[in-house]
Amino acid sequence: MKNVPDICVKETTDSVIKFQEQRSIIRFLNDKRLNYKKIQVDGCALHEGLKCDKMLCSADEHEEHYVELKGSDVLHAIDQLRQTIIKLGEYDDKRRSYVVCTKVAPKISTLIQRAKAEFRKKYNSDLQIKETPLEVILK
């Protein structure tokens, strides 16, 4: 991750690393209790422009997880993830992006499929769009 102030980073070895905003929740299951960095992106690492809410990185920063917690505006969330990867992404060894929302509208499924393909090709990132709560197993 590029240019993130230390004040925005919290190291953790918790077995469950949780991010929550309003009713949207994502839990990263860290059974091996490896060292990770929780990053507050919105309002700390980035103050201007589009940005996602949170980020989780491995200790060596070669594993990046971008998180946007939303109500239902999935397309806006995808834009926020895209801009954050451009601004903060450094290594793309293992990059994942998540939109966790309270409701996914089925009528935008074609746009979601295009976004998933774009993220794979352009940002070397898997993109998951799921309703809350989402659990992700860290390996």
C-alpha atoms as a PDB file:
ATOM      1  CA  MET A   1       0.000   0.000   0.000  1.00  0.00           C
ATOM      2  CA  LYS A   2       1.322   3.365  -0.945  1.00  0.00           C
ATOM      3  CA  ASN A   3       1.610   6.423   1.302  1.00  0.00           C
ATOM      4  CA  VAL A   4      -0.622   5.364   4.186  1.00  0.00           C
ATOM      5  CA  PRO A   5       0.089   7.250   7.445  1.00  0.00           C
ATOM      6  CA  ASP A   6       0.891   5.035  10.449  1.00  0.00           C
ATOM      7  CA  ILE A   7      -2.041   6.513  12.358  1.00  0.00           C
ATOM      8  CA  CYS A   8      -4.428   4.857   9.868  1.00  0.00           C
ATOM      9  CA  VAL A   9      -2.949   1.377  10.416  1.00  0.00           C
ATOM     10  CA  LYS A  10      -3.650  -1.041  13.252  1.00  0.00           C
ATOM     11  CA  GLU A  11      -1.794  -4.358  13.398  1.00  0.00           C
ATOM     12  CA  THR A  12      -3.737  -7.410  14.525  1.00  0.00           C
ATOM     13  CA  THR A  13      -3.417 -11.168  14.943  1.00  0.00           C
ATOM     14  CA  ASP A  14      -7.075 -11.606  15.935  1.00  0.00           C
ATOM     15  CA  SER A  15      -8.695 -14.860  14.865  1.00  0.00           C
ATOM     16  CA  VAL A  16     -11.687 -12.851  13.577  1.00  0.00           C
ATOM     17  CA  ILE A  17     -10.954  -9.474  11.970  1.00  0.00           C
ATOM     18  CA  LYS A  18     -14.221  -7.578  11.660  1.00  0.00           C
ATOM     19  CA  PHE A  19     -15.190  -4.443   9.766  1.00  0.00           C
ATOM     20  CA  GLN A  20     -18.664  -2.984  10.228  1.00  0.00           C
ATOM     21  CA  GLU A  21     -20.539   0.138   9.171  1.00  0.00           C
ATOM     22  CA  GLN A  22     -24.230   0.506   9.887  1.00  0.00           C
ATOM     23  CA  ARG A  23     -25.690  -2.953   9.179  1.00  0.00           C
ATOM     24  CA  SER A  24     -23.009  -4.137   6.718  1.00  0.00           C
ATOM     25  CA  ILE A  25     -20.432  -6.543   8.174  1.00  0.00           C
ATOM     26  CA  ILE A  26     -17.426  -8.462   6.855  1.00  0.00           C
ATOM     27  CA  ARG A  27     -15.432 -10.894   8.968  1.00  0.00           C
ATOM     28  CA  PHE A  28     -12.018 -12.189   7.952  1.00  0.00           C
ATOM     29  CA  LEU A  29     -11.336 -15.539   9.625  1.00  0.00           C
ATOM     30  CA  ASN A  30      -7.669 -15.647  10.582  1.00  0.00           C
ATOM     31  CA  ASP A  31      -7.398 -19.179  12.030  1.00  0.00           C
ATOM     32  CA  LYS A  32      -3.601 -19.181  11.783  1.00  0.00           C
ATOM     33  CA  ARG A  33      -3.535 -15.855  13.677  1.00  0.00           C
ATOM     34  CA  LEU A  34      -1.163 -14.324  11.146  1.00  0.00           C
ATOM     35  CA  ASN A  35      -0.214 -10.663  11.428  1.00  0.00           C
ATOM     36  CA  TYR A  36      -2.439  -8.336   9.382  1.00  0.00           C
ATOM     37  CA  LYS A  37      -2.806  -4.580   9.045  1.00  0.00           C
ATOM     38  CA  LYS A  38      -6.272  -3.030   9.331  1.00  0.00           C
ATOM     39  CA  ILE A  39      -6.372   0.269   7.443  1.00  0.00           C
ATOM     40  CA  GLN A  40      -8.967   3.010   7.816  1.00  0.00           C
ATOM     41  CA  VAL A  41      -9.072   4.308   4.240  1.00  0.00           C
ATOM     42  CA  ASP A  42     -12.036   6.702   4.223  1.00  0.00           C
ATOM     43  CA  GLY A  43     -11.180   9.820   6.215  1.00  0.00           C
ATOM     44  CA  CYS A  44      -7.664   8.729   7.201  1.00  0.00           C
ATOM     45  CA  ALA A  45      -5.508   7.202   4.448  1.00  0.00           C
ATOM     46  CA  LEU A  46      -7.513   9.097   1.804  1.00  0.00           C
ATOM     47  CA  HIS A  47      -9.488  12.288   2.347  1.00  0.00           C
ATOM     48  CA  GLU A  48     -10.503  13.351  -1.169  1.00  0.00           C
ATOM     49  CA  GLY A  49     -12.172  11.743  -4.142  1.00  0.00           C
ATOM     50  CA  LEU A  50     -13.736   8.309  -4.295  1.00  0.00           C
ATOM     51  CA  LYS A  51     -12.372   5.787  -1.809  1.00  0.00           C
ATOM     52  CA  CYS A  52     -13.469   2.573  -0.138  1.00  0.00           C
ATOM     53  CA  ASP A  53     -14.076   2.280   3.597  1.00  0.00           C
ATOM     54  CA  LYS A  54     -11.434  -0.172   4.789  1.00  0.00           C
ATOM     55  CA  MET A  55      -8.465  -2.216   3.730  1.00  0.00           C
ATOM     56  CA  LEU A  56      -6.770  -5.298   5.155  1.00  0.00           C
ATOM     57  CA  CYS A  57      -3.176  -6.166   4.247  1.00  0.00           C
ATOM     58  CA  SER A  58      -0.846  -8.967   5.194  1.00  0.00           C
ATOM     59  CA  ALA A  59       2.201  -7.958   7.239  1.00  0.00           C
ATOM     60  CA  ASP A  60       4.387  -7.934   4.107  1.00  0.00           C
ATOM     61  CA  GLU A  61       1.620  -6.043   2.226  1.00  0.00           C
ATOM     62  CA  HIS A  62       1.602  -8.510  -0.685  1.00  0.00           C
ATOM     63  CA  GLU A  63      -1.962  -9.535   0.168  1.00  0.00           C
ATOM     64  CA  GLU A  64      -4.498  -6.711  -0.194  1.00  0.00           C
ATOM     65  CA  HIS A  65      -8.209  -6.803   0.658  1.00  0.00           C
ATOM     66  CA  TYR A  66     -10.282  -3.725  -0.267  1.00  0.00           C
ATOM     67  CA  VAL A  67     -13.643  -3.389   1.499  1.00  0.00           C
ATOM     68  CA  GLU A  68     -16.643  -1.168   0.799  1.00  0.00           C
ATOM     69  CA  LEU A  69     -19.565  -1.488   3.208  1.00  0.00           C
ATOM     70  CA  LYS A  70     -22.783  -0.233   1.613  1.00  0.00           C
ATOM     71  CA  GLY A  71     -26.521  -0.099   1.871  1.00  0.00           C
ATOM     72  CA  SER A  72     -27.492  -0.868  -1.724  1.00  0.00           C
ATOM     73  CA  ASP A  73     -25.589   1.380  -4.182  1.00  0.00           C
ATOM     74  CA  VAL A  74     -23.375  -1.364  -5.609  1.00  0.00           C
ATOM     75  CA  LEU A  75     -22.243   0.544  -8.710  1.00  0.00           C
ATOM     76  CA  HIS A  76     -20.987   3.463  -6.601  1.00  0.00           C
ATOM     77  CA  ALA A  77     -19.206   0.977  -4.323  1.00  0.00           C
ATOM     78  CA  ILE A  78     -17.429  -0.552  -7.336  1.00  0.00           C
ATOM     79  CA  ASP A  79     -16.228   2.917  -8.380  1.00  0.00           C
ATOM     80  CA  GLN A  80     -14.930   3.519  -4.847  1.00  0.00           C
ATOM     81  CA  LEU A  81     -12.969   0.246  -4.873  1.00  0.00           C
ATOM     82  CA  ARG A  82     -11.557   0.977  -8.323  1.00  0.00           C
ATOM     83  CA  GLN A  83     -10.253   4.403  -7.267  1.00  0.00           C
ATOM     84  CA  THR A  84      -8.755   3.091  -4.025  1.00  0.00           C
ATOM     85  CA  ILE A  85      -6.820   0.362  -5.845  1.00  0.00           C
ATOM     86  CA  ILE A  86      -5.425   2.990  -8.225  1.00  0.00           C
ATOM     87  CA  LYS A  87      -4.412   5.268  -5.331  1.00  0.00           C
ATOM     88  CA  LEU A  88      -3.158   2.761  -2.748  1.00  0.00           C
ATOM     89  CA  GLY A  89      -2.494  -0.534  -4.540  1.00  0.00           C
ATOM     90  CA  GLU A  90       1.139  -1.495  -4.651  1.00  0.00           C
ATOM     91  CA  TYR A  91       1.430  -5.254  -5.026  1.00  0.00           C
ATOM     92  CA  ASP A  92      -1.050  -7.364  -6.907  1.00  0.00           C
ATOM     93  CA  ASP A  93       0.232 -10.760  -5.780  1.00  0.00           C
ATOM     94  CA  LYS A  94      -3.018 -11.510  -3.977  1.00  0.00           C
ATOM     95  CA  ARG A  95      -5.616  -8.767  -4.311  1.00  0.00           C
ATOM     96  CA  ARG A  96      -9.291  -9.099  -3.407  1.00  0.00           C
ATOM     97  CA  SER A  97     -12.111  -6.545  -3.439  1.00  0.00           C
ATOM     98  CA  TYR A  98     -15.409  -6.779  -1.586  1.00  0.00           C
ATOM     99  CA  VAL A  99     -18.699  -4.932  -1.695  1.00  0.00           C
ATOM    100  CA  VAL A 100     -20.770  -5.923   1.326  1.00  0.00           C
ATOM    101  CA  CYS A 101     -24.260  -4.485   1.227  1.00  0.00           C
ATOM    102  CA  THR A 102     -27.631  -4.883   2.835  1.00  0.00           C
ATOM    103  CA  LYS A 103     -29.308  -5.470  -0.537  1.00  0.00           C
ATOM    104  CA  VAL A 104     -28.080  -6.392  -4.039  1.00  0.00           C
ATOM    105  CA  ALA A 105     -30.518  -5.397  -6.796  1.00  0.00           C
ATOM    106  CA  PRO A 106     -30.800  -8.237  -9.356  1.00  0.00           C
ATOM    107  CA  LYS A 107     -31.402  -5.822 -12.245  1.00  0.00           C
ATOM    108  CA  ILE A 108     -27.716  -4.790 -12.260  1.00  0.00           C
ATOM    109  CA  SER A 109     -26.322  -8.320 -12.612  1.00  0.00           C
ATOM    110  CA  THR A 110     -24.917  -7.692 -16.132  1.00  0.00           C
ATOM    111  CA  LEU A 111     -23.043  -4.610 -14.915  1.00  0.00           C
ATOM    112  CA  ILE A 112     -21.697  -6.606 -11.971  1.00  0.00           C
ATOM    113  CA  GLN A 113     -20.420  -9.349 -14.292  1.00  0.00           C
ATOM    114  CA  ARG A 114     -18.626  -6.738 -16.426  1.00  0.00           C
ATOM    115  CA  ALA A 115     -17.101  -5.160 -13.313  1.00  0.00           C
ATOM    116  CA  LYS A 116     -15.853  -8.555 -12.087  1.00  0.00           C
ATOM    117  CA  ALA A 117     -14.165  -9.180 -15.445  1.00  0.00           C
ATOM    118  CA  GLU A 118     -12.637  -5.682 -15.420  1.00  0.00           C
ATOM    119  CA  PHE A 119     -11.258  -6.135 -11.898  1.00  0.00           C
ATOM    120  CA  ARG A 120      -9.679  -9.475 -12.855  1.00  0.00           C
ATOM    121  CA  LYS A 121      -8.101  -8.123 -16.016  1.00  0.00           C
ATOM    122  CA  LYS A 122      -7.165  -4.541 -15.120  1.00  0.00           C
ATOM    123  CA  TYR A 123      -6.453  -4.731 -11.364  1.00  0.00           C
ATOM    124  CA  ASN A 124      -5.612  -8.436 -10.923  1.00  0.00           C
ATOM    125  CA  SER A 125      -8.323  -8.556  -8.260  1.00  0.00           C
ATOM    126  CA  ASP A 126     -11.168 -10.892  -7.484  1.00  0.00           C
ATOM    127  CA  LEU A 127     -14.364  -8.852  -6.904  1.00  0.00           C
ATOM    128  CA  GLN A 128     -17.058 -10.215  -4.608  1.00  0.00           C
ATOM    129  CA  ILE A 129     -20.424  -8.532  -4.175  1.00  0.00           C
ATOM    130  CA  LYS A 130     -22.392 -10.105  -1.353  1.00  0.00           C
ATOM    131  CA  GLU A 131     -25.154  -9.305   1.065  1.00  0.00           C
ATOM    132  CA  THR A 132     -24.193  -8.828   4.695  1.00  0.00           C
ATOM    133  CA  PRO A 133     -22.716 -10.529   6.647  1.00  0.00           C
ATOM    134  CA  LEU A 134     -19.793 -11.878   4.611  1.00  0.00           C
ATOM    135  CA  GLU A 135     -17.150 -14.230   5.994  1.00  0.00           C
ATOM    136  CA  VAL A 136     -13.795 -14.641   4.247  1.00  0.00           C
ATOM    137  CA  ILE A 137     -11.236 -17.290   5.199  1.00  0.00           C
ATOM    138  CA  LEU A 138      -7.680 -15.942   5.172  1.00  0.00           C
ATOM    139  CA  LYS A 139      -5.104 -18.478   3.995  1.00  0.00           C
END
